[in-house]
PDB file of N, CA and C in Angstrom:
ATOM      1  N   UNK A   1     169.931  -8.575-123.178  1.00  0.00           N
ATOM      2  CA  UNK A   1     168.372  -9.028-122.808  1.00  0.00           C
ATOM      3  C   UNK A   1     167.466  -9.913-121.875  1.00  0.00           C
ATOM      4  N   UNK A   2     167.698 -11.058-121.297  1.00  0.00           N
ATOM      5  CA  UNK A   2     167.856 -12.121-120.495  1.00  0.00           C
ATOM      6  C   UNK A   2     167.461 -11.188-119.387  1.00  0.00           C
ATOM      7  N   UNK A   3     167.890 -10.174-118.404  1.00  0.00           N
ATOM      8  CA  UNK A   3     167.891  -9.474-117.577  1.00  0.00           C
ATOM      9  C   UNK A   3     166.794  -8.459-117.704  1.00  0.00           C
ATOM     10  N   UNK A   4     166.860  -7.926-118.792  1.00  0.00           N
ATOM     11  CA  UNK A   4     165.354  -6.751-119.439  1.00  0.00           C
ATOM     12  C   UNK A   4     164.184  -8.265-118.989  1.00  0.00           C
ATOM     13  N   UNK A   5     164.552  -8.374-119.226  1.00  0.00           N
ATOM     14  CA  UNK A   5     163.202  -9.699-119.707  1.00  0.00           C
ATOM     15  C   UNK A   5     163.023  -9.621-118.606  1.00  0.00           C
ATOM     16  N   UNK A   6     163.376  -9.990-117.288  1.00  0.00           N
ATOM     17  CA  UNK A   6     163.354 -10.233-116.053  1.00  0.00           C
ATOM     18  C   UNK A   6     162.929  -9.657-115.641  1.00  0.00           C
ATOM     19  N   UNK A   7     163.237  -8.302-115.686  1.00  0.00           N
ATOM     20  CA  UNK A   7     162.910  -6.744-114.239  1.00  0.00           C
ATOM     21  C   UNK A   7     161.413  -7.047-115.749  1.00  0.00           C
ATOM     22  N   UNK A   8     161.359  -7.030-116.684  1.00  0.00           N
ATOM     23  CA  UNK A   8     159.274  -6.448-117.008  1.00  0.00           C
ATOM     24  C   UNK A   8     159.041  -7.672-116.897  1.00  0.00           C
ATOM     25  N   UNK A   9     159.006  -8.402-116.709  1.00  0.00           N
ATOM     26  CA  UNK A   9     158.620  -9.352-116.301  1.00  0.00           C
ATOM     27  C   UNK A   9     157.969  -8.660-114.676  1.00  0.00           C
ATOM     28  N   UNK A  10     158.448  -8.378-114.082  1.00  0.00           N
ATOM     29  CA  UNK A  10     158.841  -8.312-112.526  1.00  0.00           C
ATOM     30  C   UNK A  10     157.147  -7.164-112.718  1.00  0.00           C
ATOM     31  N   UNK A  11     157.739  -5.957-113.950  1.00  0.00           N
ATOM     32  CA  UNK A  11     156.865  -5.150-113.334  1.00  0.00           C
ATOM     33  C   UNK A  11     155.179  -4.786-114.515  1.00  0.00           C
ATOM     34  N   UNK A  12     155.473  -6.250-115.439  1.00  0.00           N
ATOM     35  CA  UNK A  12     154.399  -6.925-115.285  1.00  0.00           C
ATOM     36  C   UNK A  12     153.172  -7.475-114.230  1.00  0.00           C
ATOM     37  N   UNK A  13     154.018  -8.180-113.747  1.00  0.00           N
ATOM     38  CA  UNK A  13     153.284  -8.724-112.147  1.00  0.00           C
ATOM     39  C   UNK A  13     153.123  -7.641-111.128  1.00  0.00           C
ATOM     40  N   UNK A  14     153.917  -6.518-110.859  1.00  0.00           N
ATOM     41  CA  UNK A  14     153.499  -5.395-110.433  1.00  0.00           C
ATOM     42  C   UNK A  14     152.478  -4.715-111.027  1.00  0.00           C
ATOM     43  N   UNK A  15     151.812  -4.691-112.253  1.00  0.00           N
ATOM     44  CA  UNK A  15     151.269  -4.047-112.659  1.00  0.00           C
ATOM     45  C   UNK A  15     150.020  -5.018-112.426  1.00  0.00           C
ATOM     46  N   UNK A  16     149.448  -5.757-112.810  1.00  0.00           N
ATOM     47  CA  UNK A  16     149.064  -7.007-112.660  1.00  0.00           C
ATOM     48  C   UNK A  16     148.482  -6.674-111.253  1.00  0.00           C
ATOM     49  N   UNK A  17     148.810  -7.284-109.991  1.00  0.00           N
ATOM     50  CA  UNK A  17     148.162  -7.121-108.979  1.00  0.00           C
ATOM     51  C   UNK A  17     147.924  -5.242-108.653  1.00  0.00           C
ATOM     52  N   UNK A  18     147.996  -3.821-109.255  1.00  0.00           N
ATOM     53  CA  UNK A  18     148.022  -3.168-108.681  1.00  0.00           C
ATOM     54  C   UNK A  18     146.519  -2.982-108.994  1.00  0.00           C
ATOM     55  N   UNK A  19     146.618  -3.512-110.606  1.00  0.00           N
ATOM     56  CA  UNK A  19     145.274  -3.388-110.640  1.00  0.00           C
ATOM     57  C   UNK A  19     143.925  -3.964-110.489  1.00  0.00           C
ATOM     58  N   UNK A  20     144.331  -5.635-109.912  1.00  0.00           N
ATOM     59  CA  UNK A  20     143.691  -6.865-109.482  1.00  0.00           C
ATOM     60  C   UNK A  20     142.984  -5.797-107.727  1.00  0.00           C
ATOM     61  N   UNK A  21     144.039  -5.492-107.601  1.00  0.00           N
ATOM     62  CA  UNK A  21     143.796  -4.718-105.376  1.00  0.00           C
ATOM     63  C   UNK A  21     142.657  -3.432-106.669  1.00  0.00           C
ATOM     64  N   UNK A  22     142.888  -2.765-107.267  1.00  0.00           N
ATOM     65  CA  UNK A  22     141.884  -1.591-107.903  1.00  0.00           C
ATOM     66  C   UNK A  22     140.553  -1.923-108.116  1.00  0.00           C
ATOM     67  N   UNK A  23     140.796  -3.154-108.579  1.00  0.00           N
ATOM     68  CA  UNK A  23     139.446  -3.603-109.923  1.00  0.00           C
ATOM     69  C   UNK A  23     138.865  -4.030-109.088  1.00  0.00           C
ATOM     70  N   UNK A  24     138.779  -5.193-108.211  1.00  0.00           N
ATOM     71  CA  UNK A  24     138.593  -5.944-106.826  1.00  0.00           C
ATOM     72  C   UNK A  24     137.808  -4.824-105.660  1.00  0.00           C
ATOM     73  N   UNK A  25     138.321  -3.546-106.145  1.00  0.00           N
ATOM     74  CA  UNK A  25     137.529  -2.093-104.759  1.00  0.00           C
ATOM     75  C   UNK A  25     136.493  -1.808-105.204  1.00  0.00           C
ATOM     76  N   UNK A  26     136.558  -1.525-106.616  1.00  0.00           N
ATOM     77  CA  UNK A  26     135.594  -1.226-107.631  1.00  0.00           C
ATOM     78  C   UNK A  26     134.034  -2.375-108.042  1.00  0.00           C
ATOM     79  N   UNK A  27     135.055  -3.675-108.364  1.00  0.00           N
ATOM     80  CA  UNK A  27     133.685  -4.572-108.631  1.00  0.00           C
ATOM     81  C   UNK A  27     133.988  -5.916-107.566  1.00  0.00           C
ATOM     82  N   UNK A  28     134.512  -5.203-106.491  1.00  0.00           N
ATOM     83  CA  UNK A  28     134.507  -7.157-105.885  1.00  0.00           C
ATOM     84  C   UNK A  28     135.543  -8.248-106.433  1.00  0.00           C
ATOM     85  N   UNK A  29     135.579  -8.699-105.067  1.00  0.00           N
ATOM     86  CA  UNK A  29     136.319  -9.804-105.114  1.00  0.00           C
ATOM     87  C   UNK A  29     136.865 -10.766-106.599  1.00  0.00           C
ATOM     88  N   UNK A  30     137.974 -10.602-106.372  1.00  0.00           N
ATOM     89  CA  UNK A  30     138.413 -11.903-107.733  1.00  0.00           C
ATOM     90  C   UNK A  30     139.314 -13.009-107.347  1.00  0.00           C
ATOM     91  N   UNK A  31     137.893 -13.839-107.844  1.00  0.00           N
ATOM     92  CA  UNK A  31     138.184 -15.194-105.832  1.00  0.00           C
ATOM     93  C   UNK A  31     139.185 -16.483-106.700  1.00  0.00           C
ATOM     94  N   UNK A  32     139.607 -16.418-108.463  1.00  0.00           N
ATOM     95  CA  UNK A  32     140.429 -17.251-108.912  1.00  0.00           C
ATOM     96  C   UNK A  32     141.611 -16.471-109.329  1.00  0.00           C
ATOM     97  N   UNK A  33     142.909 -17.424-109.328  1.00  0.00           N
ATOM     98  CA  UNK A  33     143.812 -17.188-110.578  1.00  0.00           C
ATOM     99  C   UNK A  33     142.867 -17.157-112.019  1.00  0.00           C
ATOM    100  N   UNK A  34     141.855 -18.252-112.675  1.00  0.00           N
ATOM    101  CA  UNK A  34     141.664 -18.231-113.373  1.00  0.00           C
ATOM    102  C   UNK A  34     140.811 -17.206-114.000  1.00  0.00           C
ATOM    103  N   UNK A  35     139.724 -16.434-112.889  1.00  0.00           N
ATOM    104  CA  UNK A  35     139.195 -15.359-112.884  1.00  0.00           C
ATOM    105  C   UNK A  35     139.421 -14.792-113.577  1.00  0.00           C
ATOM    106  N   UNK A  36     140.440 -14.009-113.043  1.00  0.00           N
ATOM    107  CA  UNK A  36     141.600 -12.910-112.785  1.00  0.00           C
ATOM    108  C   UNK A  36     142.662 -13.480-114.782  1.00  0.00           C
ATOM    109  N   UNK A  37     142.864 -14.173-114.801  1.00  0.00           N
ATOM    110  CA  UNK A  37     143.210 -14.407-116.417  1.00  0.00           C
ATOM    111  C   UNK A  37     141.765 -13.985-117.535  1.00  0.00           C
ATOM    112  N   UNK A  38     140.963 -14.644-117.031  1.00  0.00           N
ATOM    113  CA  UNK A  38     139.431 -14.431-118.188  1.00  0.00           C
ATOM    114  C   UNK A  38     139.716 -12.981-118.071  1.00  0.00           C
ATOM    115  N   UNK A  39     139.094 -12.124-116.148  1.00  0.00           N
ATOM    116  CA  UNK A  39     139.684 -10.733-117.185  1.00  0.00           C
ATOM    117  C   UNK A  39     140.260  -9.800-117.095  1.00  0.00           C
ATOM    118  N   UNK A  40     141.688 -10.624-117.764  1.00  0.00           N
ATOM    119  CA  UNK A  40     142.456  -9.936-118.104  1.00  0.00           C
ATOM    120  C   UNK A  40     142.026 -10.194-119.980  1.00  0.00           C
ATOM    121  N   UNK A  41     142.034 -11.223-119.887  1.00  0.00           N
ATOM    122  CA  UNK A  41     141.231 -11.742-121.524  1.00  0.00           C
ATOM    123  C   UNK A  41     140.490 -10.855-122.104  1.00  0.00           C
ATOM    124  N   UNK A  42     139.230 -10.582-121.404  1.00  0.00           N
ATOM    125  CA  UNK A  42     138.358 -10.325-121.810  1.00  0.00           C
ATOM    126  C   UNK A  42     137.599  -8.810-121.137  1.00  0.00           C
ATOM    127  N   UNK A  43     138.112  -8.754-119.716  1.00  0.00           N
ATOM    128  CA  UNK A  43     137.831  -6.752-119.766  1.00  0.00           C
ATOM    129  C   UNK A  43     137.717  -5.774-119.817  1.00  0.00           C
ATOM    130  N   UNK A  44     137.767  -4.451-119.990  1.00  0.00           N
ATOM    131  CA  UNK A  44     138.463  -3.165-120.762  1.00  0.00           C
ATOM    132  C   UNK A  44     139.391  -2.740-119.597  1.00  0.00           C
ATOM    133  N   UNK A  45     138.794  -3.190-118.797  1.00  0.00           N
ATOM    134  CA  UNK A  45     139.648  -2.920-116.890  1.00  0.00           C
ATOM    135  C   UNK A  45     141.151  -3.348-117.725  1.00  0.00           C
ATOM    136  N   UNK A  46     141.445  -3.856-117.873  1.00  0.00           N
ATOM    137  CA  UNK A  46     142.858  -4.925-118.416  1.00  0.00           C
ATOM    138  C   UNK A  46     143.150  -4.719-119.515  1.00  0.00           C
ATOM    139  N   UNK A  47     143.061  -4.310-120.703  1.00  0.00           N
ATOM    140  CA  UNK A  47     143.193  -4.339-122.099  1.00  0.00           C
ATOM    141  C   UNK A  47     143.926  -3.577-122.124  1.00  0.00           C
ATOM    142  N   UNK A  48     145.024  -2.877-121.319  1.00  0.00           N
ATOM    143  CA  UNK A  48     146.021  -1.017-121.878  1.00  0.00           C
ATOM    144  C   UNK A  48     146.937  -1.843-121.172  1.00  0.00           C
ATOM    145  N   UNK A  49     147.613  -3.569-120.693  1.00  0.00           N
ATOM    146  CA  UNK A  49     147.916  -4.335-120.373  1.00  0.00           C
ATOM    147  C   UNK A  49     148.406  -4.835-121.357  1.00  0.00           C
ATOM    148  N   UNK A  50     148.029  -5.226-122.155  1.00  0.00           N
ATOM    149  CA  UNK A  50     148.384  -5.366-123.530  1.00  0.00           C
ATOM    150  C   UNK A  50     149.820  -5.532-124.576  1.00  0.00           C
ATOM    151  N   UNK A  51     149.905  -3.586-124.549  1.00  0.00           N
ATOM    152  CA  UNK A  51     151.229  -3.637-125.130  1.00  0.00           C
ATOM    153  C   UNK A  51     152.370  -4.405-124.319  1.00  0.00           C
ATOM    154  N   UNK A  52     152.336  -4.387-123.218  1.00  0.00           N
ATOM    155  CA  UNK A  52     153.735  -4.869-122.638  1.00  0.00           C
ATOM    156  C   UNK A  52     154.237  -6.369-122.335  1.00  0.00           C
ATOM    157  N   UNK A  53     152.716  -6.950-122.005  1.00  0.00           N
ATOM    158  CA  UNK A  53     152.903  -7.971-122.354  1.00  0.00           C
ATOM    159  C   UNK A  53     152.885  -9.011-124.205  1.00  0.00           C
ATOM    160  N   UNK A  54     152.228  -8.481-124.644  1.00  0.00           N
ATOM    161  CA  UNK A  54     152.499  -7.875-126.082  1.00  0.00           C
ATOM    162  C   UNK A  54     154.383  -8.416-126.280  1.00  0.00           C
ATOM    163  N   UNK A  55     154.884  -7.334-125.649  1.00  0.00           N
ATOM    164  CA  UNK A  55     156.472  -7.023-126.189  1.00  0.00           C
ATOM    165  C   UNK A  55     157.165  -8.215-125.044  1.00  0.00           C
ATOM    166  N   UNK A  56     156.607  -8.762-123.981  1.00  0.00           N
ATOM    167  CA  UNK A  56     156.965  -9.766-123.706  1.00  0.00           C
ATOM    168  C   UNK A  56     157.274 -10.944-124.235  1.00  0.00           C
ATOM    169  N   UNK A  57     156.068 -11.046-124.727  1.00  0.00           N
ATOM    170  CA  UNK A  57     156.639 -12.123-125.535  1.00  0.00           C
ATOM    171  C   UNK A  57     157.204 -12.107-126.779  1.00  0.00           C
ATOM    172  N   UNK A  58     157.203 -11.196-128.169  1.00  0.00           N
ATOM    173  CA  UNK A  58     157.837 -11.107-128.462  1.00  0.00           C
ATOM    174  C   UNK A  58     159.713 -11.147-128.170  1.00  0.00           C
ATOM    175  N   UNK A  59     159.382 -10.931-127.003  1.00  0.00           N
ATOM    176  CA  UNK A  59     161.359 -10.738-126.224  1.00  0.00           C
ATOM    177  C   UNK A  59     161.395 -12.348-125.628  1.00  0.00           C
ATOM    178  N   UNK A  60     160.651 -13.438-125.333  1.00  0.00           N
ATOM    179  CA  UNK A  60     160.297 -14.542-124.919  1.00  0.00           C
ATOM    180  C   UNK A  60     160.953 -15.509-126.425  1.00  0.00           C
ATOM    181  N   UNK A  61     159.598 -15.495-127.546  1.00  0.00           N
ATOM    182  CA  UNK A  61     160.665 -16.238-128.367  1.00  0.00           C
ATOM    183  C   UNK A  61     161.817 -15.394-128.782  1.00  0.00           C
ATOM    184  N   UNK A  62     162.220 -13.882-128.456  1.00  0.00           N
ATOM    185  CA  UNK A  62     164.018 -13.921-129.431  1.00  0.00           C
ATOM    186  C   UNK A  62     164.761 -15.097-128.649  1.00  0.00           C
ATOM    187  N   UNK A  63     164.760 -14.765-126.654  1.00  0.00           N
ATOM    188  CA  UNK A  63     165.676 -15.319-126.500  1.00  0.00           C
ATOM    189  C   UNK A  63     165.518 -16.973-126.268  1.00  0.00           C
ATOM    190  N   UNK A  64     163.827 -18.032-126.395  1.00  0.00           N
ATOM    191  CA  UNK A  64     163.492 -18.851-126.825  1.00  0.00           C
ATOM    192  C   UNK A  64     164.464 -19.491-127.766  1.00  0.00           C
ATOM    193  N   UNK A  65     164.581 -19.034-129.324  1.00  0.00           N
ATOM    194  CA  UNK A  65     164.832 -19.074-130.374  1.00  0.00           C
ATOM    195  C   UNK A  65     165.835 -19.288-130.729  1.00  0.00           C
ATOM    196  N   UNK A  66     167.163 -20.448-130.425  1.00  0.00           N
ATOM    197  CA  UNK A  66     168.364 -20.442-130.363  1.00  0.00           C
ATOM    198  C   UNK A  66     169.326 -20.106-131.218  1.00  0.00           C
ATOM    199  N   UNK A  67     168.484 -20.545-132.809  1.00  0.00           N
ATOM    200  CA  UNK A  67     168.803 -20.315-133.675  1.00  0.00           C
ATOM    201  C   UNK A  67     168.578 -18.809-134.260  1.00  0.00           C
ATOM    202  N   UNK A  68     167.396 -17.770-134.156  1.00  0.00           N
ATOM    203  CA  UNK A  68     168.215 -16.510-134.331  1.00  0.00           C
ATOM    204  C   UNK A  68     168.907 -15.351-133.446  1.00  0.00           C
ATOM    205  N   UNK A  69     169.972 -15.266-134.380  1.00  0.00           N
ATOM    206  CA  UNK A  69     170.808 -14.454-133.126  1.00  0.00           C
ATOM    207  C   UNK A  69     170.057 -12.999-132.809  1.00  0.00           C
ATOM    208  N   UNK A  70     170.515 -12.345-131.560  1.00  0.00           N
ATOM    209  CA  UNK A  70     169.766 -11.219-131.245  1.00  0.00           C
ATOM    210  C   UNK A  70     171.179 -10.458-131.189  1.00  0.00           C
ATOM    211  N   UNK A  71     170.409  -9.382-133.031  1.00  0.00           N
ATOM    212  CA  UNK A  71     171.553  -8.888-132.894  1.00  0.00           C
ATOM    213  C   UNK A  71     171.962  -7.175-131.869  1.00  0.00           C
ATOM    214  N   UNK A  72     172.527  -6.669-132.033  1.00  0.00           N
ATOM    215  CA  UNK A  72     172.639  -5.080-131.489  1.00  0.00           C
ATOM    216  C   UNK A  72     171.159  -4.034-132.210  1.00  0.00           C
ATOM    217  N   UNK A  73     170.694  -3.976-132.900  1.00  0.00           N
ATOM    218  CA  UNK A  73     170.203  -3.395-134.154  1.00  0.00           C
ATOM    219  C   UNK A  73     167.712  -3.763-132.972  1.00  0.00           C
ATOM    220  N   UNK A  74     168.582  -5.546-133.077  1.00  0.00           N
ATOM    221  CA  UNK A  74     166.396  -5.788-132.264  1.00  0.00           C
ATOM    222  C   UNK A  74     167.496  -5.540-131.318  1.00  0.00           C
ATOM    223  N   UNK A  75     168.169  -5.077-130.456  1.00  0.00           N
ATOM    224  CA  UNK A  75     168.524  -5.543-129.231  1.00  0.00           C
ATOM    225  C   UNK A  75     168.242  -3.792-129.484  1.00  0.00           C
ATOM    226  N   UNK A  76     168.369  -2.812-129.744  1.00  0.00           N
ATOM    227  CA  UNK A  76     168.090  -1.322-130.450  1.00  0.00           C
ATOM    228  C   UNK A  76     166.989  -1.203-129.799  1.00  0.00           C
ATOM    229  N   UNK A  77     166.361  -1.523-130.297  1.00  0.00           N
ATOM    230  CA  UNK A  77     164.800  -1.543-131.223  1.00  0.00           C
ATOM    231  C   UNK A  77     163.755  -1.875-129.914  1.00  0.00           C
ATOM    232  N   UNK A  78     164.098  -2.967-128.879  1.00  0.00           N
ATOM    233  CA  UNK A  78     163.882  -3.495-128.015  1.00  0.00           C
ATOM    234  C   UNK A  78     163.732  -2.478-127.085  1.00  0.00           C
ATOM    235  N   UNK A  79     164.619  -2.388-126.563  1.00  0.00           N
ATOM    236  CA  UNK A  79     164.812  -1.436-125.919  1.00  0.00           C
ATOM    237  C   UNK A  79     164.318   0.250-126.096  1.00  0.00           C
ATOM    238  N   UNK A  80     163.864   0.785-127.057  1.00  0.00           N
ATOM    239  CA  UNK A  80     163.207   1.812-127.776  1.00  0.00           C
ATOM    240  C   UNK A  80     161.745   1.457-127.494  1.00  0.00           C
ATOM    241  N   UNK A  81     161.336   0.397-127.770  1.00  0.00           N
ATOM    242  CA  UNK A  81     159.948  -0.026-127.301  1.00  0.00           C
ATOM    243  C   UNK A  81     159.827   0.253-126.027  1.00  0.00           C
ATOM    244  N   UNK A  82     161.143  -0.577-124.796  1.00  0.00           N
ATOM    245  CA  UNK A  82     160.525  -0.502-123.406  1.00  0.00           C
ATOM    246  C   UNK A  82     160.791   1.157-122.815  1.00  0.00           C
ATOM    247  N   UNK A  83     161.903   1.768-123.733  1.00  0.00           N
ATOM    248  CA  UNK A  83     161.719   3.383-123.223  1.00  0.00           C
ATOM    249  C   UNK A  83     160.297   3.989-123.535  1.00  0.00           C
ATOM    250  N   UNK A  84     159.509   3.276-124.431  1.00  0.00           N
ATOM    251  CA  UNK A  84     158.637   3.935-125.180  1.00  0.00           C
ATOM    252  C   UNK A  84     156.724   3.683-124.204  1.00  0.00           C
ATOM    253  N   UNK A  85     157.250   3.357-123.725  1.00  0.00           N
ATOM    254  CA  UNK A  85     155.929   1.983-122.680  1.00  0.00           C
ATOM    255  C   UNK A  85     156.826   2.577-121.665  1.00  0.00           C
ATOM    256  N   UNK A  86     157.287   2.498-121.379  1.00  0.00           N
ATOM    257  CA  UNK A  86     157.717   2.681-119.990  1.00  0.00           C
ATOM    258  C   UNK A  86     157.831   4.299-119.716  1.00  0.00           C
ATOM    259  N   UNK A  87     157.129   4.858-119.995  1.00  0.00           N
ATOM    260  CA  UNK A  87     157.207   6.684-120.197  1.00  0.00           C
ATOM    261  C   UNK A  87     155.457   7.066-120.107  1.00  0.00           C
ATOM    262  N   UNK A  88     155.168   7.375-118.385  1.00  0.00           N
ATOM    263  CA  UNK A  88     153.820   7.723-118.069  1.00  0.00           C
ATOM    264  C   UNK A  88     153.555   9.067-118.534  1.00  0.00           C
ATOM    265  N   UNK A  89     152.832   8.702-118.603  1.00  0.00           N
ATOM    266  CA  UNK A  89     151.651  10.929-118.889  1.00  0.00           C
ATOM    267  C   UNK A  89     150.450  10.773-118.035  1.00  0.00           C
ATOM    268  N   UNK A  90     150.585  12.164-117.829  1.00  0.00           N
ATOM    269  CA  UNK A  90     149.220  12.341-117.072  1.00  0.00           C
ATOM    270  C   UNK A  90     148.120  12.484-118.230  1.00  0.00           C
ATOM    271  N   UNK A  91     148.524  13.005-119.233  1.00  0.00           N
ATOM    272  CA  UNK A  91     147.916  13.098-120.798  1.00  0.00           C
ATOM    273  C   UNK A  91     146.776  11.971-121.369  1.00  0.00           C
ATOM    274  N   UNK A  92     146.058  12.387-121.759  1.00  0.00           N
ATOM    275  CA  UNK A  92     145.772  11.024-122.967  1.00  0.00           C
ATOM    276  C   UNK A  92     144.919  10.124-122.147  1.00  0.00           C
ATOM    277  N   UNK A  93     144.542   9.139-122.852  1.00  0.00           N
ATOM    278  CA  UNK A  93     143.613   7.565-122.258  1.00  0.00           C
ATOM    279  C   UNK A  93     144.333   6.456-122.859  1.00  0.00           C
ATOM    280  N   UNK A  94     145.139   6.205-122.332  1.00  0.00           N
ATOM    281  CA  UNK A  94     146.009   5.320-123.209  1.00  0.00           C
ATOM    282  C   UNK A  94     146.872   4.717-122.125  1.00  0.00           C
ATOM    283  N   UNK A  95     147.936   3.079-122.347  1.00  0.00           N
ATOM    284  CA  UNK A  95     148.335   2.614-121.996  1.00  0.00           C
ATOM    285  C   UNK A  95     149.620   4.104-121.179  1.00  0.00           C
ATOM    286  N   UNK A  96     150.044   5.026-121.717  1.00  0.00           N
ATOM    287  CA  UNK A  96     150.388   6.138-121.076  1.00  0.00           C
ATOM    288  C   UNK A  96     149.877   6.728-119.900  1.00  0.00           C
ATOM    289  N   UNK A  97     148.850   6.923-119.731  1.00  0.00           N
ATOM    290  CA  UNK A  97     148.153   7.582-118.767  1.00  0.00           C
ATOM    291  C   UNK A  97     148.227   6.230-117.566  1.00  0.00           C
ATOM    292  N   UNK A  98     147.319   4.942-118.209  1.00  0.00           N
ATOM    293  CA  UNK A  98     147.561   4.040-117.349  1.00  0.00           C
ATOM    294  C   UNK A  98     148.091   3.731-116.393  1.00  0.00           C
ATOM    295  N   UNK A  99     149.405   3.521-116.573  1.00  0.00           N
ATOM    296  CA  UNK A  99     151.127   3.613-116.466  1.00  0.00           C
ATOM    297  C   UNK A  99     151.091   4.700-115.926  1.00  0.00           C
ATOM    298  N   UNK A 100     150.441   6.308-115.753  1.00  0.00           N
ATOM    299  CA  UNK A 100     151.592   7.212-115.067  1.00  0.00           C
ATOM    300  C   UNK A 100     150.226   6.720-113.750  1.00  0.00           C
ATOM    301  N   UNK A 101     149.184   6.457-113.788  1.00  0.00           N
ATOM    302  CA  UNK A 101     148.124   6.175-113.210  1.00  0.00           C
ATOM    303  C   UNK A 101     148.721   4.672-111.945  1.00  0.00           C
ATOM    304  N   UNK A 102     149.035   3.815-112.409  1.00  0.00           N
ATOM    305  CA  UNK A 102     149.312   2.108-111.221  1.00  0.00           C
ATOM    306  C   UNK A 102     150.700   2.980-110.846  1.00  0.00           C
ATOM    307  N   UNK A 103     151.194   4.272-111.199  1.00  0.00           N
ATOM    308  CA  UNK A 103     152.646   4.545-110.765  1.00  0.00           C
ATOM    309  C   UNK A 103     152.080   4.787-109.393  1.00  0.00           C
ATOM    310  N   UNK A 104     150.931   6.048-109.521  1.00  0.00           N
ATOM    311  CA  UNK A 104     150.931   6.652-108.352  1.00  0.00           C
ATOM    312  C   UNK A 104     150.010   5.593-107.377  1.00  0.00           C
ATOM    313  N   UNK A 105     149.323   5.136-107.523  1.00  0.00           N
ATOM    314  CA  UNK A 105     149.222   4.306-107.066  1.00  0.00           C
ATOM    315  C   UNK A 105     149.666   2.792-106.192  1.00  0.00           C
ATOM    316  N   UNK A 106     150.756   2.244-106.621  1.00  0.00           N
ATOM    317  CA  UNK A 106     150.933   0.920-106.551  1.00  0.00           C
ATOM    318  C   UNK A 106     152.583   1.727-106.427  1.00  0.00           C
ATOM    319  N   UNK A 107     153.147   2.123-104.963  1.00  0.00           N
ATOM    320  CA  UNK A 107     154.691   1.128-104.775  1.00  0.00           C
ATOM    321  C   UNK A 107     155.181   0.711-105.108  1.00  0.00           C
ATOM    322  N   UNK A 108     155.132  -0.495-105.554  1.00  0.00           N
ATOM    323  CA  UNK A 108     155.444  -1.823-106.087  1.00  0.00           C
ATOM    324  C   UNK A 108     155.908  -1.691-107.194  1.00  0.00           C
ATOM    325  N   UNK A 109     154.827  -1.009-108.049  1.00  0.00           N
ATOM    326  CA  UNK A 109     155.218  -0.296-109.524  1.00  0.00           C
ATOM    327  C   UNK A 109     156.272   0.053-109.532  1.00  0.00           C
ATOM    328  N   UNK A 110     156.113   1.189-109.229  1.00  0.00           N
ATOM    329  CA  UNK A 110     157.633   2.103-108.523  1.00  0.00           C
ATOM    330  C   UNK A 110     158.298   2.067-108.680  1.00  0.00           C
ATOM    331  N   UNK A 111     158.241   0.924-107.333  1.00  0.00           N
ATOM    332  CA  UNK A 111     159.908   0.295-107.165  1.00  0.00           C
ATOM    333  C   UNK A 111     160.337  -0.613-108.850  1.00  0.00           C
ATOM    334  N   UNK A 112     158.983  -1.496-109.484  1.00  0.00           N
ATOM    335  CA  UNK A 112     159.679  -2.236-110.616  1.00  0.00           C
ATOM    336  C   UNK A 112     159.615  -1.144-111.957  1.00  0.00           C
ATOM    337  N   UNK A 113     159.117  -0.455-111.848  1.00  0.00           N
ATOM    338  CA  UNK A 113     159.423   0.744-112.962  1.00  0.00           C
ATOM    339  C   UNK A 113     161.136   1.254-113.018  1.00  0.00           C
ATOM    340  N   UNK A 114     161.058   1.958-111.695  1.00  0.00           N
ATOM    341  CA  UNK A 114     162.277   1.386-111.950  1.00  0.00           C
ATOM    342  C   UNK A 114     164.001   0.586-111.524  1.00  0.00           C
ATOM    343  N   UNK A 115     163.269  -0.833-111.055  1.00  0.00           N
ATOM    344  CA  UNK A 115     164.220  -1.796-111.626  1.00  0.00           C
ATOM    345  C   UNK A 115     164.470  -1.948-113.244  1.00  0.00           C
ATOM    346  N   UNK A 116     163.312  -1.347-114.288  1.00  0.00           N
ATOM    347  CA  UNK A 116     163.495  -1.150-115.833  1.00  0.00           C
ATOM    348  C   UNK A 116     164.533  -0.787-116.319  1.00  0.00           C
ATOM    349  N   UNK A 117     164.464   0.248-115.322  1.00  0.00           N
ATOM    350  CA  UNK A 117     165.107   2.111-116.036  1.00  0.00           C
ATOM    351  C   UNK A 117     166.520   1.253-116.191  1.00  0.00           C
ATOM    352  N   UNK A 118     166.866   0.735-114.193  1.00  0.00           N
ATOM    353  CA  UNK A 118     168.236   0.597-114.353  1.00  0.00           C
ATOM    354  C   UNK A 118     168.740  -0.461-115.428  1.00  0.00           C
ATOM    355  N   UNK A 119     168.039  -1.674-115.743  1.00  0.00           N
ATOM    356  CA  UNK A 119     168.951  -2.342-116.715  1.00  0.00           C
ATOM    357  C   UNK A 119     168.981  -1.322-118.084  1.00  0.00           C
ATOM    358  N   UNK A 120     167.992  -0.481-118.348  1.00  0.00           N
ATOM    359  CA  UNK A 120     168.295  -0.537-119.689  1.00  0.00           C
ATOM    360  C   UNK A 120     169.907   0.273-120.331  1.00  0.00           C
ATOM    361  N   UNK A 121     170.185   0.529-121.369  1.00  0.00           N
ATOM    362  CA  UNK A 121     171.745   1.236-121.599  1.00  0.00           C
ATOM    363  C   UNK A 121     171.209   2.749-121.687  1.00  0.00           C
ATOM    364  N   UNK A 122     172.238   3.173-121.323  1.00  0.00           N
ATOM    365  CA  UNK A 122     171.952   4.573-121.119  1.00  0.00           C
ATOM    366  C   UNK A 122     171.883   4.353-122.951  1.00  0.00           C
ATOM    367  N   UNK A 123     170.935   6.181-123.043  1.00  0.00           N
ATOM    368  CA  UNK A 123     171.183   7.443-124.178  1.00  0.00           C
ATOM    369  C   UNK A 123     172.259   7.449-124.535  1.00  0.00           C
ATOM    370  N   UNK A 124     172.081   6.868-126.120  1.00  0.00           N
ATOM    371  CA  UNK A 124     173.466   7.544-126.842  1.00  0.00           C
ATOM    372  C   UNK A 124     173.029   9.126-126.854  1.00  0.00           C
ATOM    373  N   UNK A 125     174.450  10.017-127.239  1.00  0.00           N
ATOM    374  CA  UNK A 125     173.964  11.633-126.496  1.00  0.00           C
ATOM    375  C   UNK A 125     174.297  12.161-128.364  1.00  0.00           C
TER     376      UNK A 125
END
């Protein structure tokens, strides 16, 4: 679970960088980390990233809580969520579409996506 969390964190970081660059091309330079954080919290441009952030935060809580057992069922559920979130689609206008567009724009996102898929357990037949 720790390795998956690390790879998801890298993917999230790559997505932030890619979205920031695209945002800056359209709206102008983001001058500071504080400004970027504020944009991520309030600007609709970045809202599509929230499902991935929420998943990362839930995994953080599981990993940090020593009193909580991470059962195979919990792992299977989280893996299913990761698979669902990392399924890009040219259709629609939600997370899948924005993720598809980020993959087409940024090689770093493609690499991070590949790293996430490599640590996911194989699907049961």
